[in-house]
PDB file of all heavy atoms in Angstrom:
ATOM      1  N   ALA A   1     -54.222  19.553 -47.799  1.00  0.00           N
ATOM      2  CA  ALA A   1     -55.166  18.448 -47.958  1.00  0.00           C
ATOM      3  C   ALA A   1     -56.052  18.311 -46.729  1.00  0.00           C
ATOM      4  O   ALA A   1     -57.256  18.071 -46.836  1.00  0.00           O
ATOM      5  CB  ALA A   1     -54.413  17.146 -48.221  1.00  0.00           C
ATOM      6  N   LYS A   2     -55.453  18.487 -45.559  1.00  0.00           N
ATOM      7  CA  LYS A   2     -56.206  18.411 -44.305  1.00  0.00           C
ATOM      8  C   LYS A   2     -57.263  19.520 -44.252  1.00  0.00           C
ATOM      9  O   LYS A   2     -58.411  19.282 -43.880  1.00  0.00           O
ATOM     10  CB  LYS A   2     -55.235  18.537 -43.128  1.00  0.00           C
ATOM     11  CG  LYS A   2     -55.782  18.033 -41.827  1.00  0.00           C
ATOM     12  CD  LYS A   2     -54.842  18.205 -40.652  1.00  0.00           C
ATOM     13  CE  LYS A   2     -53.392  17.901 -40.908  1.00  0.00           C
ATOM     14  NZ  LYS A   2     -52.571  17.929 -39.698  1.00  0.00           N
ATOM     15  N   ALA A   3     -56.873  20.727 -44.641  1.00  0.00           N
ATOM     16  CA  ALA A   3     -57.798  21.860 -44.641  1.00  0.00           C
ATOM     17  C   ALA A   3     -58.928  21.656 -45.645  1.00  0.00           C
ATOM     18  O   ALA A   3     -60.085  21.991 -45.373  1.00  0.00           O
ATOM     19  CB  ALA A   3     -57.046  23.150 -44.942  1.00  0.00           C
ATOM     20  N   GLU A   4     -58.596  21.099 -46.807  1.00  0.00           N
ATOM     21  CA  GLU A   4     -59.612  20.838 -47.823  1.00  0.00           C
ATOM     22  C   GLU A   4     -60.632  19.819 -47.329  1.00  0.00           C
ATOM     23  O   GLU A   4     -61.838  19.994 -47.497  1.00  0.00           O
ATOM     24  CB  GLU A   4     -58.950  20.356 -49.120  1.00  0.00           C
ATOM     25  CG  GLU A   4     -59.915  19.962 -50.211  1.00  0.00           C
ATOM     26  CD  GLU A   4     -60.671  21.139 -50.823  1.00  0.00           C
ATOM     27  OE1 GLU A   4     -60.422  22.299 -50.458  1.00  0.00           O
ATOM     28  OE2 GLU A   4     -61.538  20.874 -51.677  1.00  0.00           O
ATOM     29  N   LEU A   5     -60.179  18.740 -46.701  1.00  0.00           N
ATOM     30  CA  LEU A   5     -61.104  17.750 -46.152  1.00  0.00           C
ATOM     31  C   LEU A   5     -61.970  18.350 -45.048  1.00  0.00           C
ATOM     32  O   LEU A   5     -63.171  18.062 -44.965  1.00  0.00           O
ATOM     33  CB  LEU A   5     -60.353  16.528 -45.627  1.00  0.00           C
ATOM     34  CG  LEU A   5     -59.879  15.543 -46.682  1.00  0.00           C
ATOM     35  CD1 LEU A   5     -58.979  14.483 -46.056  1.00  0.00           C
ATOM     36  CD2 LEU A   5     -61.068  14.886 -47.381  1.00  0.00           C
ATOM     37  N   ALA A   6     -61.387  19.192 -44.208  1.00  0.00           N
ATOM     38  CA  ALA A   6     -62.154  19.844 -43.143  1.00  0.00           C
ATOM     39  C   ALA A   6     -63.234  20.748 -43.734  1.00  0.00           C
ATOM     40  O   ALA A   6     -64.369  20.780 -43.251  1.00  0.00           O
ATOM     41  CB  ALA A   6     -61.222  20.641 -42.233  1.00  0.00           C
ATOM     42  N   ARG A   7     -62.885  21.476 -44.800  1.00  0.00           N
ATOM     43  CA  ARG A   7     -63.857  22.344 -45.472  1.00  0.00           C
ATOM     44  C   ARG A   7     -64.989  21.527 -46.073  1.00  0.00           C
ATOM     45  O   ARG A   7     -66.175  21.842 -45.898  1.00  0.00           O
ATOM     46  CB  ARG A   7     -63.166  23.170 -46.561  1.00  0.00           C
ATOM     47  CG  ARG A   7     -64.108  24.141 -47.280  1.00  0.00           C
ATOM     48  CD  ARG A   7     -63.427  24.799 -48.475  1.00  0.00           C
ATOM     49  NE  ARG A   7     -63.090  23.874 -49.543  1.00  0.00           N
ATOM     50  CZ  ARG A   7     -63.956  23.370 -50.422  1.00  0.00           C
ATOM     51  NH1 ARG A   7     -65.237  23.696 -50.361  1.00  0.00           N
ATOM     52  NH2 ARG A   7     -63.550  22.552 -51.374  1.00  0.00           N
ATOM     53  N   LEU A   8     -64.643  20.435 -46.767  1.00  0.00           N
ATOM     54  CA  LEU A   8     -65.660  19.582 -47.379  1.00  0.00           C
ATOM     55  C   LEU A   8     -66.565  18.944 -46.329  1.00  0.00           C
ATOM     56  O   LEU A   8     -67.776  18.829 -46.526  1.00  0.00           O
ATOM     57  CB  LEU A   8     -64.991  18.510 -48.242  1.00  0.00           C
ATOM     58  CG  LEU A   8     -64.302  19.009 -49.511  1.00  0.00           C
ATOM     59  CD1 LEU A   8     -63.477  17.884 -50.142  1.00  0.00           C
ATOM     60  CD2 LEU A   8     -65.314  19.565 -50.496  1.00  0.00           C
ATOM     61  N   LEU A   9     -65.986  18.531 -45.207  1.00  0.00           N
ATOM     62  CA  LEU A   9     -66.769  17.940 -44.126  1.00  0.00           C
ATOM     63  C   LEU A   9     -67.755  18.955 -43.554  1.00  0.00           C
ATOM     64  O   LEU A   9     -68.931  18.645 -43.346  1.00  0.00           O
ATOM     65  CB  LEU A   9     -65.851  17.413 -43.026  1.00  0.00           C
ATOM     66  CG  LEU A   9     -66.546  16.806 -41.815  1.00  0.00           C
ATOM     67  CD1 LEU A   9     -67.260  15.510 -42.195  1.00  0.00           C
ATOM     68  CD2 LEU A   9     -65.544  16.542 -40.702  1.00  0.00           C
ATOM     69  N   THR A  10     -67.296  20.179 -43.336  1.00  0.00           N
ATOM     70  CA  THR A  10     -68.160  21.233 -42.810  1.00  0.00           C
ATOM     71  C   THR A  10     -69.316  21.515 -43.765  1.00  0.00           C
ATOM     72  O   THR A  10     -70.470  21.646 -43.345  1.00  0.00           O
ATOM     73  CB  THR A  10     -67.347  22.518 -42.555  1.00  0.00           C
ATOM     74  OG1 THR A  10     -66.325  22.224 -41.606  1.00  0.00           O
ATOM     75  CG2 THR A  10     -68.218  23.640 -42.040  1.00  0.00           C
ATOM     76  N   GLU A  11     -69.009  21.592 -45.049  1.00  0.00           N
ATOM     77  CA  GLU A  11     -70.054  21.849 -46.050  1.00  0.00           C
ATOM     78  C   GLU A  11     -71.052  20.696 -46.120  1.00  0.00           C
ATOM     79  O   GLU A  11     -72.262  20.920 -46.206  1.00  0.00           O
ATOM     80  CB  GLU A  11     -69.429  22.089 -47.418  1.00  0.00           C
ATOM     81  CG  GLU A  11     -68.698  23.408 -47.517  1.00  0.00           C
ATOM     82  CD  GLU A  11     -67.990  23.605 -48.845  1.00  0.00           C
ATOM     83  OE1 GLU A  11     -68.119  22.748 -49.751  1.00  0.00           O
ATOM     84  OE2 GLU A  11     -67.290  24.625 -48.976  1.00  0.00           O
ATOM     85  N   ALA A  12     -70.556  19.466 -46.079  1.00  0.00           N
ATOM     86  CA  ALA A  12     -71.454  18.303 -46.147  1.00  0.00           C
ATOM     87  C   ALA A  12     -72.348  18.221 -44.910  1.00  0.00           C
ATOM     88  O   ALA A  12     -73.525  17.874 -45.005  1.00  0.00           O
ATOM     89  CB  ALA A  12     -70.643  17.021 -46.306  1.00  0.00           C
ATOM     90  N   ALA A  13     -71.792  18.546 -43.746  1.00  0.00           N
ATOM     91  CA  ALA A  13     -72.573  18.500 -42.510  1.00  0.00           C
ATOM     92  C   ALA A  13     -73.632  19.600 -42.477  1.00  0.00           C
ATOM     93  O   ALA A  13     -74.700  19.420 -41.891  1.00  0.00           O
ATOM     94  CB  ALA A  13     -71.652  18.612 -41.299  1.00  0.00           C
ATOM     95  N   ALA A  14     -73.354  20.732 -43.118  1.00  0.00           N
ATOM     96  CA  ALA A  14     -74.270  21.865 -43.093  1.00  0.00           C
ATOM     97  C   ALA A  14     -75.397  21.754 -44.114  1.00  0.00           C
ATOM     98  O   ALA A  14     -76.440  22.381 -43.963  1.00  0.00           O
ATOM     99  CB  ALA A  14     -73.498  23.158 -43.332  1.00  0.00           C
ATOM    100  N   MET A  15     -75.196  20.950 -45.152  1.00  0.00           N
ATOM    101  CA  MET A  15     -76.188  20.856 -46.220  1.00  0.00           C
ATOM    102  C   MET A  15     -77.247  19.811 -45.861  1.00  0.00           C
ATOM    103  O   MET A  15     -76.906  18.663 -45.577  1.00  0.00           O
ATOM    104  CB  MET A  15     -75.512  20.473 -47.543  1.00  0.00           C
ATOM    105  CG  MET A  15     -76.451  20.524 -48.739  1.00  0.00           C
ATOM    106  SD  MET A  15     -75.592  20.265 -50.305  1.00  0.00           S
ATOM    107  CE  MET A  15     -74.873  21.880 -50.536  1.00  0.00           C
ATOM    108  N   PRO A  16     -78.514  20.208 -45.869  1.00  0.00           N
ATOM    109  CA  PRO A  16     -79.572  19.246 -45.539  1.00  0.00           C
ATOM    110  C   PRO A  16     -79.598  18.094 -46.541  1.00  0.00           C
ATOM    111  O   PRO A  16     -79.379  18.290 -47.733  1.00  0.00           O
ATOM    112  CB  PRO A  16     -80.862  20.053 -45.634  1.00  0.00           C
ATOM    113  CG  PRO A  16     -80.465  21.465 -45.840  1.00  0.00           C
ATOM    114  CD  PRO A  16     -79.026  21.512 -46.205  1.00  0.00           C
ATOM    115  N   GLN A  17     -79.873  16.903 -46.018  1.00  0.00           N
ATOM    116  CA  GLN A  17     -79.919  15.722 -46.878  1.00  0.00           C
ATOM    117  C   GLN A  17     -81.143  15.797 -47.771  1.00  0.00           C
ATOM    118  O   GLN A  17     -82.215  16.226 -47.358  1.00  0.00           O
ATOM    119  CB  GLN A  17     -79.973  14.459 -46.025  1.00  0.00           C
ATOM    120  CG  GLN A  17     -79.839  13.196 -46.838  1.00  0.00           C
ATOM    121  CD  GLN A  17     -79.669  11.967 -45.957  1.00  0.00           C
ATOM    122  OE1 GLN A  17     -79.511  12.076 -44.749  1.00  0.00           O
ATOM    123  NE2 GLN A  17     -79.732  10.814 -46.553  1.00  0.00           N
ATOM    124  N   GLU A  18     -80.966  15.369 -49.023  1.00  0.00           N
ATOM    125  CA  GLU A  18     -82.066  15.389 -49.978  1.00  0.00           C
ATOM    126  C   GLU A  18     -83.090  14.321 -49.622  1.00  0.00           C
ATOM    127  O   GLU A  18     -82.751  13.271 -49.076  1.00  0.00           O
ATOM    128  CB  GLU A  18     -81.538  15.164 -51.392  1.00  0.00           C
ATOM    129  CG  GLU A  18     -80.626  16.278 -51.866  1.00  0.00           C
ATOM    130  CD  GLU A  18     -80.064  16.044 -53.254  1.00  0.00           C
ATOM    131  OE1 GLU A  18     -80.427  15.050 -53.892  1.00  0.00           O
ATOM    132  OE2 GLU A  18     -79.260  16.875 -53.685  1.00  0.00           O
ATOM    133  N   GLU A  19     -84.343  14.614 -49.937  1.00  0.00           N
ATOM    134  CA  GLU A  19     -85.419  13.651 -49.696  1.00  0.00           C
ATOM    135  C   GLU A  19     -85.260  12.467 -50.640  1.00  0.00           C
ATOM    136  O   GLU A  19     -84.960  12.637 -51.812  1.00  0.00           O
ATOM    137  CB  GLU A  19     -86.784  14.307 -49.933  1.00  0.00           C
ATOM    138  CG  GLU A  19     -87.138  15.358 -48.917  1.00  0.00           C
ATOM    139  CD  GLU A  19     -87.446  14.766 -47.561  1.00  0.00           C
ATOM    140  OE1 GLU A  19     -88.069  13.692 -47.494  1.00  0.00           O
ATOM    141  OE2 GLU A  19     -87.051  15.387 -46.551  1.00  0.00           O
ATOM    142  N   GLN A  20     -85.487  11.290 -50.096  1.00  0.00           N
ATOM    143  CA  GLN A  20     -85.420  10.082 -50.908  1.00  0.00           C
ATOM    144  C   GLN A  20     -86.843   9.712 -51.291  1.00  0.00           C
ATOM    145  O   GLN A  20     -87.701   9.551 -50.430  1.00  0.00           O
ATOM    146  CB  GLN A  20     -84.760   8.950 -50.128  1.00  0.00           C
ATOM    147  CG  GLN A  20     -84.490   7.728 -50.957  1.00  0.00           C
ATOM    148  CD  GLN A  20     -83.621   6.729 -50.215  1.00  0.00           C
ATOM    149  OE1 GLN A  20     -82.916   7.069 -49.286  1.00  0.00           O
ATOM    150  NE2 GLN A  20     -83.693   5.490 -50.633  1.00  0.00           N
ATOM    151  N   ALA A  21     -87.112   9.599 -52.580  1.00  0.00           N
ATOM    152  CA  ALA A  21     -88.456   9.327 -53.075  1.00  0.00           C
ATOM    153  C   ALA A  21     -88.935   7.927 -52.730  1.00  0.00           C
ATOM    154  O   ALA A  21     -90.094   7.621 -52.844  1.00  0.00           O
ATOM    155  CB  ALA A  21     -88.498   9.533 -54.582  1.00  0.00           C
ATOM    156  N   GLY A  22     -88.088   7.066 -52.310  1.00  0.00           N
ATOM    157  CA  GLY A  22     -88.423   5.686 -52.002  1.00  0.00           C
ATOM    158  C   GLY A  22     -87.164   4.853 -52.096  1.00  0.00           C
ATOM    159  O   GLY A  22     -86.091   5.367 -52.345  1.00  0.00           O
ATOM    160  N   ARG A  23     -87.302   3.588 -51.875  1.00  0.00           N
ATOM    161  CA  ARG A  23     -86.138   2.707 -51.967  1.00  0.00           C
ATOM    162  C   ARG A  23     -85.675   2.590 -53.399  1.00  0.00           C
ATOM    163  O   ARG A  23     -86.463   2.404 -54.303  1.00  0.00           O
ATOM    164  CB  ARG A  23     -86.493   1.322 -51.442  1.00  0.00           C
ATOM    165  CG  ARG A  23     -86.126   1.125 -50.011  1.00  0.00           C
ATOM    166  CD  ARG A  23     -86.422  -0.299 -49.603  1.00  0.00           C
ATOM    167  NE  ARG A  23     -85.316  -1.183 -49.820  1.00  0.00           N
ATOM    168  CZ  ARG A  23     -84.413  -1.467 -48.909  1.00  0.00           C
ATOM    169  NH1 ARG A  23     -84.487  -0.910 -47.743  1.00  0.00           N
ATOM    170  NH2 ARG A  23     -83.438  -2.301 -49.165  1.00  0.00           N
ATOM    171  N   VAL A  24     -84.387   2.708 -53.579  1.00  0.00           N
ATOM    172  CA  VAL A  24     -83.806   2.532 -54.906  1.00  0.00           C
ATOM    173  C   VAL A  24     -83.042   1.217 -54.891  1.00  0.00           C
ATOM    174  O   VAL A  24     -82.150   1.008 -54.071  1.00  0.00           O
ATOM    175  CB  VAL A  24     -82.860   3.707 -55.265  1.00  0.00           C
ATOM    176  CG1 VAL A  24     -82.185   3.449 -56.592  1.00  0.00           C
ATOM    177  CG2 VAL A  24     -83.636   5.003 -55.286  1.00  0.00           C
ATOM    178  N   ARG A  25     -83.407   0.360 -55.785  1.00  0.00           N
ATOM    179  CA  ARG A  25     -82.788  -0.956 -55.855  1.00  0.00           C
ATOM    180  C   ARG A  25     -81.307  -0.821 -56.202  1.00  0.00           C
ATOM    181  O   ARG A  25     -80.936  -0.044 -57.076  1.00  0.00           O
ATOM    182  CB  ARG A  25     -83.505  -1.772 -56.918  1.00  0.00           C
ATOM    183  CG  ARG A  25     -83.109  -3.189 -56.941  1.00  0.00           C
ATOM    184  CD  ARG A  25     -83.952  -3.925 -57.935  1.00  0.00           C
ATOM    185  NE  ARG A  25     -83.497  -5.303 -57.955  1.00  0.00           N
ATOM    186  CZ  ARG A  25     -84.143  -6.266 -58.531  1.00  0.00           C
ATOM    187  NH1 ARG A  25     -85.267  -6.004 -59.155  1.00  0.00           N
ATOM    188  NH2 ARG A  25     -83.678  -7.480 -58.514  1.00  0.00           N
ATOM    189  N   ASP A  26     -80.483  -1.543 -55.489  1.00  0.00           N
ATOM    190  CA  ASP A  26     -79.042  -1.615 -55.737  1.00  0.00           C
ATOM    191  C   ASP A  26     -78.293  -0.304 -55.475  1.00  0.00           C
ATOM    192  O   ASP A  26     -77.204  -0.108 -56.005  1.00  0.00           O
ATOM    193  CB  ASP A  26     -78.743  -2.106 -57.157  1.00  0.00           C
ATOM    194  CG  ASP A  26     -79.310  -3.492 -57.402  1.00  0.00           C
ATOM    195  OD1 ASP A  26     -79.332  -4.296 -56.442  1.00  0.00           O
ATOM    196  OD2 ASP A  26     -79.742  -3.776 -58.522  1.00  0.00           O
ATOM    197  N   ALA A  27     -78.869   0.592 -54.684  1.00  0.00           N
ATOM    198  CA  ALA A  27     -78.165   1.830 -54.348  1.00  0.00           C
ATOM    199  C   ALA A  27     -77.141   1.556 -53.246  1.00  0.00           C
ATOM    200  O   ALA A  27     -77.389   0.785 -52.327  1.00  0.00           O
ATOM    201  CB  ALA A  27     -79.147   2.894 -53.877  1.00  0.00           C
ATOM    202  N   MET A  28     -75.984   2.176 -53.360  1.00  0.00           N
ATOM    203  CA  MET A  28     -74.964   2.087 -52.321  1.00  0.00           C
ATOM    204  C   MET A  28     -75.282   3.125 -51.248  1.00  0.00           C
ATOM    205  O   MET A  28     -75.782   4.202 -51.548  1.00  0.00           O
ATOM    206  CB  MET A  28     -73.577   2.380 -52.889  1.00  0.00           C
ATOM    207  CG  MET A  28     -73.048   1.324 -53.831  1.00  0.00           C
ATOM    208  SD  MET A  28     -72.598  -0.193 -52.976  1.00  0.00           S
ATOM    209  CE  MET A  28     -71.219   0.348 -51.987  1.00  0.00           C
ATOM    210  N   SER A  29     -74.953   2.787 -50.011  1.00  0.00           N
ATOM    211  CA  SER A  29     -75.070   3.720 -48.896  1.00  0.00           C
ATOM    212  C   SER A  29     -73.685   3.937 -48.314  1.00  0.00           C
ATOM    213  O   SER A  29     -72.838   3.043 -48.363  1.00  0.00           O
ATOM    214  CB  SER A  29     -76.004   3.161 -47.825  1.00  0.00           C
ATOM    215  OG  SER A  29     -77.309   3.049 -48.336  1.00  0.00           O
ATOM    216  N   TYR A  30     -73.456   5.121 -47.760  1.00  0.00           N
ATOM    217  CA  TYR A  30     -72.138   5.497 -47.271  1.00  0.00           C
ATOM    218  C   TYR A  30     -72.254   6.140 -45.891  1.00  0.00           C
ATOM    219  O   TYR A  30     -73.161   6.928 -45.643  1.00  0.00           O
ATOM    220  CB  TYR A  30     -71.470   6.502 -48.213  1.00  0.00           C
ATOM    221  CG  TYR A  30     -71.452   6.046 -49.642  1.00  0.00           C
ATOM    222  CD1 TYR A  30     -72.472   6.399 -50.525  1.00  0.00           C
ATOM    223  CD2 TYR A  30     -70.428   5.234 -50.115  1.00  0.00           C
ATOM    224  CE1 TYR A  30     -72.467   5.968 -51.838  1.00  0.00           C
ATOM    225  CE2 TYR A  30     -70.409   4.792 -51.424  1.00  0.00           C
ATOM    226  CZ  TYR A  30     -71.440   5.162 -52.282  1.00  0.00           C
ATOM    227  OH  TYR A  30     -71.430   4.722 -53.582  1.00  0.00           O
ATOM    228  N   THR A  31     -71.308   5.812 -45.033  1.00  0.00           N
ATOM    229  CA  THR A  31     -71.191   6.462 -43.736  1.00  0.00           C
ATOM    230  C   THR A  31     -69.774   7.001 -43.632  1.00  0.00           C
ATOM    231  O   THR A  31     -68.808   6.248 -43.746  1.00  0.00           O
ATOM    232  CB  THR A  31     -71.459   5.481 -42.577  1.00  0.00           C
ATOM    233  OG1 THR A  31     -72.771   4.937 -42.721  1.00  0.00           O
ATOM    234  CG2 THR A  31     -71.342   6.178 -41.230  1.00  0.00           C
ATOM    235  N   ILE A  32     -69.669   8.315 -43.430  1.00  0.00           N
ATOM    236  CA  ILE A  32     -68.382   8.966 -43.228  1.00  0.00           C
ATOM    237  C   ILE A  32     -68.349   9.439 -41.778  1.00  0.00           C
ATOM    238  O   ILE A  32     -69.257  10.138 -41.328  1.00  0.00           O
ATOM    239  CB  ILE A  32     -68.196  10.160 -44.186  1.00  0.00           C
ATOM    240  CG1 ILE A  32     -68.173   9.659 -45.644  1.00  0.00           C
ATOM    241  CG2 ILE A  32     -66.907  10.919 -43.855  1.00  0.00           C
ATOM    242  CD1 ILE A  32     -68.173  10.758 -46.673  1.00  0.00           C
ATOM    243  N   THR A  33     -67.311   9.028 -41.065  1.00  0.00           N
ATOM    244  CA  THR A  33     -67.154   9.417 -39.665  1.00  0.00           C
ATOM    245  C   THR A  33     -65.851  10.175 -39.514  1.00  0.00           C
ATOM    246  O   THR A  33     -64.809   9.726 -39.984  1.00  0.00           O
ATOM    247  CB  THR A  33     -67.137   8.165 -38.750  1.00  0.00           C
ATOM    248  OG1 THR A  33     -68.326   7.402 -38.996  1.00  0.00           O
ATOM    249  CG2 THR A  33     -67.079   8.559 -37.290  1.00  0.00           C
ATOM    250  N   ALA A  34     -65.940  11.329 -38.857  1.00  0.00           N
ATOM    251  CA  ALA A  34     -64.753  12.153 -38.614  1.00  0.00           C
ATOM    252  C   ALA A  34     -64.672  12.471 -37.131  1.00  0.00           C
ATOM    253  O   ALA A  34     -65.652  12.926 -36.539  1.00  0.00           O
ATOM    254  CB  ALA A  34     -64.821  13.433 -39.430  1.00  0.00           C
ATOM    255  N   GLU A  35     -63.512  12.220 -36.550  1.00  0.00           N
ATOM    256  CA  GLU A  35     -63.275  12.535 -35.145  1.00  0.00           C
ATOM    257  C   GLU A  35     -62.324  13.719 -35.071  1.00  0.00           C
ATOM    258  O   GLU A  35     -61.245  13.687 -35.650  1.00  0.00           O
ATOM    259  CB  GLU A  35     -62.671  11.334 -34.427  1.00  0.00           C
ATOM    260  CG  GLU A  35     -63.598  10.143 -34.379  1.00  0.00           C
ATOM    261  CD  GLU A  35     -62.981   8.951 -33.668  1.00  0.00           C
ATOM    262  OE1 GLU A  35     -62.144   9.158 -32.766  1.00  0.00           O
ATOM    263  OE2 GLU A  35     -63.337   7.832 -34.036  1.00  0.00           O
ATOM    264  N   THR A  36     -62.764  14.764 -34.364  1.00  0.00           N
ATOM    265  CA  THR A  36     -61.943  15.959 -34.192  1.00  0.00           C
ATOM    266  C   THR A  36     -61.950  16.313 -32.710  1.00  0.00           C
ATOM    267  O   THR A  36     -62.967  16.747 -32.193  1.00  0.00           O
ATOM    268  CB  THR A  36     -62.526  17.146 -34.984  1.00  0.00           C
ATOM    269  OG1 THR A  36     -63.113  16.683 -36.180  1.00  0.00           O
ATOM    270  CG2 THR A  36     -61.465  18.157 -35.309  1.00  0.00           C
TER     271      THR A  36
END
């Protein structure tokens, strides 16, 4: 499970964030923080 989370974190950090076309009403925002 630890290795899977590390893999997912690496992939998410490496993938460029998609462009946001503008403000979306009622959209949730998320912050994931990992300390290694």
